Every structure is written in structure tokens, then in C-alpha cells.
Amino acid sequence: MGLSVNQTAIRVAPVAALVSAAAPAMARGAGATTDFQFDPVEFWAARILTWAAIFTLGVIGYTLIRAHRGRLTGPTGKALLLSGVVLLPSFSVGTGMLLVFARAENIEFCGSCHRAMGDFVADMEDPDGSGLAAVHFANRYIPNHQCYQCHTSYGLFGTMEAKIHGVGQVLRYYSNSFEPPVTMWRPYPNADCLKCHARSRKWLAEPAHTDDTMKDDLFQDLITCTECHQAGHEVNE
């Protein structure tokens, strides 16, 4: 026997009240943040994923109870199966992937492999550091996601070749078969510097940068930016 309109309203009301109470609190949290690089996608995706996971578990539990009682028939039973087995899990996985890719750009994500990357993150965040990473970070030349912005062609978000090397690095990290400090598997490409600096006013003010021969050599990686500038990190010194 189906539920009446009043019975349905009574069962749904507590859930609706809980969501209504939580929404203003989350909105206040978003508005009260002092982070000028606040990412609403990450903020709301994390909360939506939590609610979706809780709701999915509830639907699956309710479906199992109905199946145990032999009441998983008709349109309602099919709708519960479709929701609990296909729709809600697909939505949760999609939202989770969105959240993972957003959070993978954070410095905290890189620093989570602390035994390998901890020294590099500490060097970058050192206010007295003189390496390129520390200078860029201290002056906020890159507002946020500094590791990601400087290494997009190198690691997780780089080429397929970089991803293959990354899988090997993950395996060595968790098997503790690497020797710190870690080193780059290929020279740092000039393009990762020049994508921001090339043709900027400060870059053009340096005569060497406007010399056609040197400029062509830089663009073709025949010479490296670090031949004239200090290394990105100083952890190996």
C-alpha cells in the first residue's frame, strides 16, 4: 500500500528541516571566509558529496529492507533499485572526481606525500628563502595553487608520459623504495616559466631576453632559465 500525501510529508519533513538548517550555516561559512582565493566549487562539492553519500546509503538500506520483506516490486521497487544502484552512485562518483581534481591542485595535496615533498613545500613557504619558489610564494606572484601552476606540464596534470612516471613515483613512495631528496625525472621545461614571464614588461626589460638568438634558444630549451636564475628549490644545497 502506498503512502498518503500526509504520511509522505511527515516522513520527509525531518530531512527537509535538517537540510534547511544546514544550508544557511554553510552559506555563512562561505561568506565569512578570509581566503580571497575561496573556491566555491570545492566548498560546495565537498558538502554535496557528503549529503549524497548519506542519502545513497539511506536509499540502499531502505531498498535492502524492502527486498528482505519481499516488497521490492512494482514501479517503486524499480525506482529504488535504479536510484540506489545506478543514479545516486554515479552522481556521487562524478561529484567525488570533481572534488578530487579540484583538491589535487592544492599545496596540501602535494605536501601529503610528506616524506618526498615535505622539504620542497617547506622551502617554498619559507619567508626567508631565496629560491625561485620561495620568492614567488612570498610575493604571491601566483595567487594560489603554486605547485600546480608551476608544474602543470610535469606531474599529475601533465602529459601522458608524465602520468606514467607519476604512477611509478607513487608506487616507490608507498613501497618506501625511493631515496630523498627526490629529483626531477627530466629537466624543468622553460615553457613552465615562459608561459607567465615571456613578453611581460619585466621580462622584455632585460636585453638578453630580446636578443633573437638567446630568445630562440630559450624557447627551444637549448638553454635553461636556471642557467641565469637560481634554482627553483634549495633543498638539495
Protein backbone atom coordinates (compact mmCIF):
# COMPACT_ATOMS: atom_id res chain seq x y z
CA MET A 1 0.00 0.00 0.00
CA GLY A 2 1.36 3.43 -0.93
CA LEU A 3 1.83 6.29 1.48
CA SER A 4 -0.72 9.07 1.60
CA VAL A 5 0.30 12.65 0.92
CA ASN A 6 0.21 13.45 4.64
CA GLN A 7 2.28 10.39 5.56
CA THR A 8 4.88 11.26 2.94
CA ALA A 9 5.07 14.84 4.21
CA ILE A 10 5.59 13.62 7.78
CA ARG A 11 8.47 11.37 6.74
CA VAL A 12 10.13 13.94 4.50
CA ALA A 13 9.75 16.88 6.92
CA PRO A 14 12.65 15.97 9.27
CA VAL A 15 15.06 15.61 6.33
CA ALA A 16 13.91 18.88 4.78
CA ALA A 17 14.25 20.65 8.11
CA LEU A 18 17.78 19.34 8.55
CA VAL A 19 18.83 20.46 5.06
CA SER A 20 17.18 23.86 5.56
CA ALA A 21 19.00 24.35 8.84
CA ALA A 22 22.35 23.34 7.39
CA ALA A 23 22.17 25.48 4.24
CA PRO A 24 22.35 28.92 5.96
CA ALA A 25 25.24 27.75 8.13
CA MET A 26 27.18 26.61 5.07
CA ALA A 27 26.38 29.84 3.28
CA ARG A 28 27.61 31.85 6.26
CA GLY A 29 30.79 29.80 6.24
CA ALA A 30 31.35 30.66 2.59
CA GLY A 31 30.70 34.36 3.16
CA ALA A 32 32.77 34.67 6.32
CA THR A 33 35.96 33.20 4.88
CA THR A 34 39.03 35.41 4.75
CA ASP A 35 40.53 33.39 1.87
CA PHE A 36 40.46 35.65 -1.18
CA GLN A 37 41.06 32.60 -3.36
CA PHE A 38 37.95 30.86 -1.98
CA ASP A 39 36.84 28.14 -4.39
CA PRO A 40 33.05 27.67 -4.31
CA VAL A 41 33.31 24.53 -6.45
CA GLU A 42 35.46 22.75 -3.87
CA PHE A 43 33.44 24.14 -0.94
CA TRP A 44 30.03 23.05 -2.20
CA ALA A 45 31.21 19.85 -3.90
CA ALA A 46 32.53 18.56 -0.58
CA ARG A 47 29.21 19.23 1.15
CA ILE A 48 27.07 17.94 -1.71
CA LEU A 49 29.17 14.78 -1.83
CA THR A 50 28.69 14.23 1.90
CA TRP A 51 24.92 14.62 1.68
CA ALA A 52 24.79 12.48 -1.49
CA ALA A 53 26.76 9.70 0.22
CA ILE A 54 24.49 9.77 3.28
CA PHE A 55 21.35 9.81 1.12
CA THR A 56 22.71 6.98 -1.06
CA LEU A 57 23.39 4.81 1.98
CA GLY A 58 19.89 5.54 3.22
CA VAL A 59 18.30 4.57 -0.10
CA ILE A 60 20.38 1.39 -0.30
CA GLY A 61 19.46 0.44 3.28
CA TYR A 62 15.76 1.11 2.65
CA THR A 63 15.94 -0.92 -0.58
CA LEU A 64 17.52 -3.88 1.21
CA ILE A 65 14.82 -3.77 3.90
CA ARG A 66 12.07 -3.78 1.26
CA ALA A 67 13.80 -6.60 -0.61
CA HIS A 68 14.07 -8.65 2.60
CA ARG A 69 10.35 -8.18 3.18
CA GLY A 70 9.53 -9.14 -0.41
CA ARG A 71 8.17 -5.71 -1.24
CA LEU A 72 10.67 -4.72 -3.93
CA THR A 73 8.16 -4.92 -6.75
CA GLY A 74 6.30 -2.51 -8.96
CA PRO A 75 7.37 0.99 -10.04
CA THR A 76 8.52 1.93 -6.54
CA GLY A 77 10.86 -1.03 -6.27
CA LYS A 78 12.29 -0.42 -9.72
CA ALA A 79 12.81 3.25 -8.92
CA LEU A 80 14.63 2.37 -5.68
CA LEU A 81 16.88 -0.11 -7.47
CA LEU A 82 17.65 2.36 -10.26
CA SER A 83 18.39 5.13 -7.76
CA GLY A 84 20.41 3.07 -5.28
CA VAL A 85 22.42 1.06 -7.81
CA VAL A 86 22.88 3.46 -10.75
CA LEU A 87 21.82 7.09 -10.36
CA LEU A 88 22.98 8.03 -6.86
CA PRO A 89 26.32 6.15 -7.02
CA SER A 90 27.03 7.71 -10.45
CA PHE A 91 26.28 11.16 -9.07
CA SER A 92 28.49 10.53 -6.03
CA VAL A 93 31.38 9.27 -8.16
CA GLY A 94 31.09 12.23 -10.54
CA THR A 95 30.99 14.73 -7.69
CA GLY A 96 33.87 12.95 -5.99
CA MET A 97 36.00 13.13 -9.13
CA LEU A 98 35.24 16.84 -9.45
CA LEU A 99 36.30 17.34 -5.83
CA VAL A 100 39.46 15.24 -6.20
CA PHE A 101 40.66 17.18 -9.25
CA ALA A 102 39.94 20.49 -7.53
CA ARG A 103 41.77 19.49 -4.36
CA ALA A 104 44.66 17.92 -6.25
CA GLU A 105 45.70 21.43 -7.25
CA ASN A 106 46.23 22.45 -3.61
CA ILE A 107 49.62 22.71 -1.95
CA GLU A 108 48.27 20.44 0.81
CA PHE A 109 47.76 17.68 -1.76
CA CYS A 110 51.41 17.87 -2.86
CA GLY A 111 52.58 18.07 0.75
CA SER A 112 50.54 14.99 1.72
CA CYS A 113 53.43 12.88 0.39
CA HIS A 114 55.43 14.49 3.18
CA ARG A 115 58.43 12.15 3.10
CA ALA A 116 59.07 13.02 -0.55
CA MET A 117 57.65 16.52 -1.00
CA GLY A 118 57.65 17.93 2.53
CA ASP A 119 61.06 19.60 2.17
CA PHE A 120 60.05 21.21 -1.11
CA VAL A 121 56.81 22.62 0.33
CA ALA A 122 58.67 23.87 3.41
CA ASP A 123 61.27 25.56 1.21
CA MET A 124 58.58 27.25 -0.86
CA GLU A 125 56.77 28.52 2.24
CA ASP A 126 59.99 29.73 3.91
CA PRO A 127 59.63 33.55 4.19
CA ASP A 128 63.43 33.90 4.23
CA GLY A 129 64.00 31.58 1.29
CA SER A 130 65.81 32.92 -1.77
CA GLY A 131 64.93 30.19 -4.26
CA LEU A 132 62.54 30.96 -7.09
CA ALA A 133 59.70 29.02 -5.48
CA ALA A 134 60.09 30.86 -2.15
CA VAL A 135 60.31 34.27 -3.86
CA HIS A 136 57.24 33.59 -5.99
CA PHE A 137 55.29 32.32 -2.97
CA ALA A 138 56.30 35.16 -0.61
CA ASN A 139 55.34 37.82 -3.15
CA ARG A 140 52.22 35.96 -4.27
CA TYR A 141 53.27 36.22 -7.90
CA ILE A 142 50.99 33.19 -8.21
CA PRO A 143 47.90 33.75 -6.01
CA ASN A 144 47.15 30.10 -5.19
CA HIS A 145 47.86 26.51 -6.25
CA GLN A 146 51.51 27.44 -6.61
CA CYS A 147 52.80 23.87 -7.02
CA TYR A 148 50.19 23.11 -9.66
CA GLN A 149 50.71 26.33 -11.59
CA CYS A 150 54.47 25.80 -11.84
CA HIS A 151 54.35 22.07 -12.60
CA THR A 152 51.29 21.58 -14.81
CA SER A 153 53.34 20.07 -17.62
CA TYR A 154 55.23 17.79 -15.27
CA GLY A 155 53.19 15.69 -12.86
CA LEU A 156 49.63 14.56 -12.36
CA PHE A 157 48.18 17.11 -14.78
CA GLY A 158 50.96 16.89 -17.35
CA THR A 159 51.44 14.78 -20.45
CA MET A 160 50.77 11.03 -20.64
CA GLU A 161 54.50 10.46 -20.26
CA ALA A 162 54.45 12.45 -17.01
CA LYS A 163 51.45 10.49 -15.75
CA ILE A 164 53.24 7.18 -16.40
CA HIS A 165 56.25 8.41 -14.45
CA GLY A 166 53.88 9.64 -11.74
CA VAL A 167 52.41 6.17 -11.25
CA GLY A 168 55.92 4.82 -10.73
CA GLN A 169 56.67 7.57 -8.25
CA VAL A 170 53.52 6.76 -6.26
CA LEU A 171 54.49 3.08 -6.13
CA ARG A 172 58.01 3.92 -4.95
CA TYR A 173 56.63 6.28 -2.33
CA TYR A 174 54.25 3.77 -0.76
CA SER A 175 56.79 0.95 -1.01
CA ASN A 176 59.38 3.28 0.57
CA SER A 177 61.85 2.41 -2.18
CA PHE A 178 62.91 5.97 -3.00
CA GLU A 179 65.83 7.96 -1.64
CA PRO A 180 65.17 11.57 -0.55
CA PRO A 181 65.53 14.19 -1.69
CA VAL A 182 63.65 13.31 -4.86
CA THR A 183 64.90 14.61 -8.18
CA MET A 184 63.06 15.53 -11.35
CA TRP A 185 62.84 12.79 -13.95
CA ARG A 186 63.56 15.34 -16.70
CA PRO A 187 64.91 18.91 -16.75
CA TYR A 188 62.38 21.58 -15.81
CA PRO A 189 60.98 22.88 -19.13
CA ASN A 190 61.42 26.56 -19.92
CA ALA A 191 57.81 26.66 -21.10
CA ASP A 192 56.64 26.39 -17.50
CA CYS A 193 58.47 29.65 -16.76
CA LEU A 194 57.81 31.39 -20.05
CA LYS A 195 54.06 30.76 -20.05
CA CYS A 196 53.87 33.55 -17.43
CA HIS A 197 57.05 35.55 -17.97
CA ALA A 198 57.56 35.64 -21.74
CA ARG A 199 56.76 39.04 -23.21
CA SER A 200 55.91 40.53 -19.82
CA ARG A 201 57.18 44.08 -19.23
CA LYS A 202 59.81 42.98 -16.71
CA TRP A 203 60.97 40.14 -18.95
CA LEU A 204 61.28 42.40 -22.01
CA ALA A 205 63.25 44.96 -19.98
CA GLU A 206 66.18 42.53 -19.83
CA PRO A 207 68.24 42.96 -23.05
CA ALA A 208 69.29 39.30 -23.08
CA HIS A 209 65.66 38.24 -23.37
CA THR A 210 65.13 40.31 -26.52
CA ASP A 211 68.24 39.00 -28.24
CA ASP A 212 66.89 36.88 -31.08
CA THR A 213 69.44 34.11 -30.73
CA MET A 214 69.06 33.75 -26.97
CA LYS A 215 65.29 34.03 -27.18
CA ASP A 216 65.12 31.23 -29.74
CA ASP A 217 67.41 29.08 -27.60
CA LEU A 218 65.16 29.66 -24.57
CA PHE A 219 62.00 28.83 -26.49
CA GLN A 220 63.58 25.64 -27.84
CA ASP A 221 65.04 24.55 -24.45
CA LEU A 222 68.59 24.71 -25.83
CA ILE A 223 69.49 26.72 -22.72
CA THR A 224 67.61 26.77 -19.44
CA CYS A 225 66.22 29.65 -17.42
CA THR A 226 68.07 28.37 -14.37
CA GLU A 227 71.43 28.89 -16.06
CA CYS A 228 70.99 32.58 -15.25
CA HIS A 229 68.50 32.36 -12.39
CA GLN A 230 68.78 30.43 -9.13
CA ALA A 231 67.22 27.03 -8.77
CA GLY A 232 63.53 26.71 -8.05
CA HIS A 233 64.14 24.99 -4.70
CA GLU A 234 67.13 24.96 -2.37
CA VAL A 235 66.52 21.68 -0.56
CA ASN A 236 69.47 19.96 -2.24
CA GLU A 237 72.02 22.54 -1.13
